[in-house]
Protein backbone atom coordinates (compact mmCIF):
# COMPACT_ATOMS: atom_id res chain seq x y z
CA MET A 1 93.45 85.23 145.54
CA GLU A 2 91.91 86.59 142.77
CA ARG A 3 92.41 90.35 141.17
CA VAL A 4 89.20 91.17 139.92
CA ALA A 5 89.32 94.68 137.94
CA VAL A 6 85.53 96.41 138.45
CA VAL A 7 85.43 99.44 135.06
CA VAL A 8 84.04 102.06 136.37
CA PHE A 9 81.95 104.18 133.84
CA PRO A 10 80.49 107.48 133.45
CA GLY A 11 77.51 106.86 135.51
CA SER A 12 78.24 103.59 136.97
CA ASN A 13 76.03 103.70 140.69
CA CYS A 14 76.71 100.00 141.66
CA ASP A 15 80.58 100.01 141.30
CA ALA A 16 81.50 101.05 145.30
CA ASP A 17 79.15 97.94 145.95
CA THR A 18 80.33 95.57 143.65
CA LEU A 19 83.65 95.91 144.99
CA ALA A 20 82.89 95.51 148.64
CA ALA A 21 80.85 92.43 147.34
CA ALA A 22 83.73 90.70 145.91
CA ARG A 23 86.18 91.86 148.49
CA GLU A 24 84.14 90.49 151.63
CA ALA A 25 84.39 87.00 148.87
CA GLY A 26 88.15 87.31 149.68
CA THR A 27 89.57 88.81 146.55
CA ASP A 28 91.58 91.41 145.73
CA ALA A 29 89.41 93.32 143.98
CA TYR A 30 90.26 97.08 142.59
CA PHE A 31 88.38 99.96 140.17
CA VAL A 32 89.17 100.47 136.41
CA TRP A 33 88.60 103.77 135.00
CA HIS A 34 86.87 103.44 131.61
CA ARG A 35 89.26 105.22 129.96
CA ASP A 36 91.93 102.78 130.87
CA THR A 37 93.52 100.93 128.12
CA ASP A 38 94.66 97.96 130.75
CA LEU A 39 92.88 95.60 133.25
CA GLN A 40 96.03 95.74 135.29
CA ARG A 41 96.93 91.98 135.79
CA ALA A 42 93.44 91.34 136.57
CA ASP A 43 92.09 87.43 136.73
CA ILE A 44 88.60 88.35 136.42
CA ALA A 45 86.67 91.25 134.95
CA ILE A 46 83.62 92.81 135.93
CA LEU A 47 80.74 95.60 134.74
CA PRO A 48 78.85 96.72 137.30
CA GLY A 49 75.64 98.68 137.15
CA GLY A 50 73.91 101.69 137.07
CA PHE A 51 74.10 103.73 133.51
CA SER A 52 77.23 105.07 131.67
CA TYR A 53 77.14 107.76 128.74
CA GLY A 54 75.59 107.59 125.93
CA ASP A 55 72.32 105.42 127.19
CA TYR A 56 70.41 108.27 125.91
CA LEU A 57 71.03 106.48 122.28
CA ARG A 58 71.01 103.02 123.74
CA SER A 59 72.33 101.45 126.84
CA GLY A 60 75.64 100.28 126.47
CA ALA A 61 75.51 101.16 122.68
CA ILE A 62 78.41 104.54 123.53
CA ALA A 63 80.03 102.81 126.23
CA ARG A 64 81.23 99.75 124.22
CA PHE A 65 83.43 101.96 122.36
CA SER A 66 85.59 103.14 125.57
CA PRO A 67 89.25 101.97 125.60
CA ILE A 68 89.01 99.92 128.23
CA MET A 69 86.64 97.64 125.88
CA ARG A 70 89.59 96.60 123.85
CA ALA A 71 91.05 95.11 127.03
CA VAL A 72 87.86 93.40 128.38
CA ALA A 73 87.57 92.00 124.78
CA ALA A 74 91.06 90.73 124.90
CA HIS A 75 90.93 89.69 127.97
CA ALA A 76 87.87 87.11 127.02
CA GLN A 77 88.65 86.24 123.84
CA ALA A 78 91.81 84.35 126.04
CA GLY A 79 89.32 82.51 128.20
CA GLY A 80 89.41 84.98 131.61
CA PRO A 81 86.02 85.94 133.31
CA VAL A 82 84.11 88.38 132.97
CA LEU A 83 80.50 89.22 134.41
CA GLY A 84 78.39 91.52 133.30
CA ILE A 85 75.62 93.44 135.55
CA CYS A 86 72.67 95.22 134.72
CA ASN A 87 74.11 98.07 132.35
CA GLY A 88 77.37 95.82 132.25
CA PHE A 89 75.19 93.17 130.82
CA GLN A 90 74.26 95.59 128.91
CA ILE A 91 78.07 97.07 127.64
CA LEU A 92 78.82 93.12 126.65
CA CYS A 93 75.40 92.81 124.37
CA GLU A 94 76.56 95.87 122.17
CA ALA A 95 79.98 95.16 122.34
CA GLY A 96 79.36 91.66 120.38
CA LEU A 97 81.16 89.57 123.86
CA LEU A 98 77.48 87.98 124.71
CA PRO A 99 74.72 87.88 121.94
CA GLY A 100 71.19 89.23 122.28
CA GLY A 101 70.59 92.90 123.60
CA LEU A 102 68.63 94.65 125.70
CA MET A 103 65.46 97.02 125.13
CA ARG A 104 62.78 99.04 127.17
CA ASN A 105 60.91 97.17 129.29
CA ALA A 106 57.49 95.80 128.12
CA ARG A 107 55.65 97.61 130.54
CA LEU A 108 57.99 100.80 129.42
CA LYS A 109 58.47 101.70 133.08
CA PHE A 110 62.07 101.55 135.13
CA LEU A 111 61.42 98.51 137.81
CA SER A 112 62.93 98.30 141.31
CA ARG A 113 62.58 95.56 142.99
CA PRO A 114 63.40 91.95 144.03
CA VAL A 115 62.17 89.08 141.87
CA ARG A 116 62.67 85.14 141.89
CA VAL A 117 65.04 83.43 139.26
CA ARG A 118 66.17 79.84 138.81
CA VAL A 119 70.00 78.72 138.37
CA GLU A 120 69.52 77.49 135.21
CA ALA A 121 73.78 76.59 134.32
CA THR A 122 76.22 76.12 137.44
CA ASP A 123 79.30 75.50 135.22
CA THR A 124 80.30 79.07 134.98
CA PRO A 125 83.04 81.22 137.14
CA PHE A 126 79.88 83.18 138.94
CA THR A 127 77.78 80.19 139.82
CA ARG A 128 79.51 77.06 140.37
CA LEU A 129 78.31 77.46 144.26
CA TYR A 130 74.89 77.41 143.69
CA GLY A 131 72.63 74.11 142.76
CA PRO A 132 71.09 73.18 139.44
CA GLY A 133 67.37 74.68 139.74
CA GLU A 134 68.13 76.50 142.48
CA GLU A 135 65.49 79.54 143.43
CA LEU A 136 66.66 82.94 144.76
CA THR A 137 65.70 86.06 145.57
CA VAL A 138 67.88 89.32 144.03
CA PRO A 139 66.77 92.89 143.02
CA ILE A 140 66.28 94.41 139.87
CA ALA A 141 66.73 97.87 138.86
CA HIS A 142 66.35 98.50 135.19
CA GLY A 143 64.65 100.62 132.78
CA ASP A 144 66.12 98.84 130.12
CA GLY A 145 65.94 94.99 131.07
CA ARG A 146 64.60 93.11 128.52
CA TYR A 147 66.88 90.91 126.52
CA VAL A 148 65.70 89.88 123.33
CA VAL A 149 66.80 87.78 120.95
CA ASP A 150 66.00 86.05 117.54
CA PRO A 151 64.19 82.81 118.00
CA ARG A 152 67.31 80.49 116.06
CA ALA A 153 69.53 82.17 118.72
CA ALA A 154 67.55 81.28 121.87
CA ALA A 155 67.25 77.56 120.37
CA GLU A 156 70.50 77.91 120.63
CA LEU A 157 71.13 80.25 123.82
CA GLU A 158 68.54 76.68 125.33
CA ALA A 159 70.29 73.79 123.26
CA GLY A 160 73.90 75.09 124.86
CA GLY A 161 72.62 75.04 128.15
CA ARG A 162 73.46 78.68 127.97
CA VAL A 163 70.69 80.78 129.86
CA VAL A 164 72.32 81.21 132.95
CA TRP A 165 69.67 82.25 135.25
CA ARG A 166 65.78 82.48 134.54
CA TYR A 167 62.96 84.36 135.63
CA LEU A 168 60.44 82.25 138.08
CA GLY A 169 56.65 83.24 138.29
CA ASP A 170 56.71 86.16 137.24
CA ASN A 171 58.34 88.08 133.73
CA PRO A 172 59.23 91.39 135.20
CA ASN A 173 60.36 93.15 131.75
CA GLY A 174 58.35 90.91 129.64
CA SER A 175 62.43 88.65 128.05
CA THR A 176 62.26 86.26 125.79
CA ASN A 177 61.73 82.84 127.15
CA ASP A 178 62.06 84.90 130.96
CA ILE A 179 65.69 85.18 130.63
CA ALA A 180 67.63 86.83 133.43
CA GLY A 181 70.68 85.96 132.42
CA VAL A 182 73.37 83.99 129.72
CA CYS A 183 76.60 83.35 128.85
CA ASN A 184 78.90 82.71 125.67
CA ALA A 185 79.78 79.50 124.30
CA GLY A 186 83.25 79.65 126.04
CA ARG A 187 80.72 79.69 129.49
CA ASN A 188 84.00 82.42 130.36
CA VAL A 189 81.66 85.70 129.91
CA VAL A 190 78.59 85.82 131.55
CA GLY A 191 75.56 88.68 131.66
CA ILE A 192 72.86 88.86 134.46
CA MET A 193 70.63 91.78 135.08
CA PRO A 194 69.70 91.47 138.70
CA HIS A 195 72.14 92.52 140.65
CA PRO A 196 73.73 89.96 143.14
CA GLU A 197 75.64 93.23 144.65
CA ARG A 198 72.50 94.35 146.54
CA ARG A 199 71.56 91.14 147.68
CA THR A 200 75.02 89.51 149.75
CA THR A 201 74.09 89.64 153.55
CA PRO A 202 70.95 89.32 155.96
CA VAL A 203 70.90 93.34 156.03
CA LEU A 204 70.92 93.86 153.14
CA GLY A 205 67.54 90.86 152.96
CA GLY A 206 69.65 87.54 152.48
CA GLN A 207 72.81 86.59 151.06
CA ASP A 208 71.03 84.95 147.14
CA GLY A 209 73.49 87.44 145.57
CA ALA A 210 76.52 86.99 147.48
CA ARG A 211 78.12 83.14 145.75
CA VAL A 212 78.08 84.95 142.62
CA PHE A 213 81.14 86.34 144.27
CA HIS A 214 82.75 83.72 146.17
CA SER A 215 82.34 81.74 143.15
CA MET A 216 85.37 84.04 141.93
CA GLU A 217 87.27 83.03 144.32
CA ALA A 218 85.89 78.94 144.40
CA ARG A 219 87.63 79.17 140.97
CA HIS A 220 91.04 80.54 141.82
CA ALA A 221 90.80 77.66 145.03
CA THR A 222 89.77 74.62 142.24
CA GLN A 223 92.61 75.96 140.41
CA HIS A 224 95.15 75.78 142.69
CA ALA A 225 94.16 72.61 144.20
CA GLY A 226 94.72 70.66 139.96
CA ALA A 227 98.27 72.69 140.27
CA VAL A 228 98.90 70.92 143.81
CA ARG A 229 97.70 67.22 142.86
CA ALA A 230 99.65 68.26 139.51
CA LEU A 231 103.08 69.13 141.13
CA GLY A 232 102.44 66.24 143.57
CA SER A 233 101.79 63.76 140.24
CA GLN A 234 104.47 64.83 138.92
CA HIS A 235 107.00 64.10 141.68
CA SER A 236 105.67 60.55 142.21
CA ARG A 237 107.01 59.83 138.92
CA VAL A 238 109.98 61.28 140.04
């Protein structure tokens, strides 16, 4: 069972939903306060959506200095999976764990509605249970969701297959290349603007977001199966 640390910042308002979605997927999920200094032996770290203190300067600009972010950065640099959702995506960009930044929506209005996205990358810890090109409907809720990156970096993201989700049909916030989510070069750090935790059960309108969280436990199952195969191979050589 994967241990999942859900980091709570002052202003986080999707932390309980994210925790519930992670637990429903079969993980051992728990809260970590932003003033803490370690992730309590987490296998995976999630920065949920909502807001964070200092957002009035620039979303995530102050939260990136929280003590817990040193542990998140160390976890990521060691290859540990990290997911940032909405405000969490903004914080990961501000912390330099993902390229680019999130700016005010093109129409300068807060948006809260379902959007369509296409799955572009299925080789991350959070998208492995989706199919390439699969189309999803997932809610957004943001005022600073316009992903911006310079043309050279955008070309590198596209060439490296690092766009994870892309807005389909309608780009709600003016993001570069219709980008709704990206990953780092190591593919273990993922940031997405839509809220998968808000679309995990039929009562929430659908289950298109559920596999983000089930992918985390699938990763554990894959690793366990690989370890079992390796052990069996060792025994066969004895």
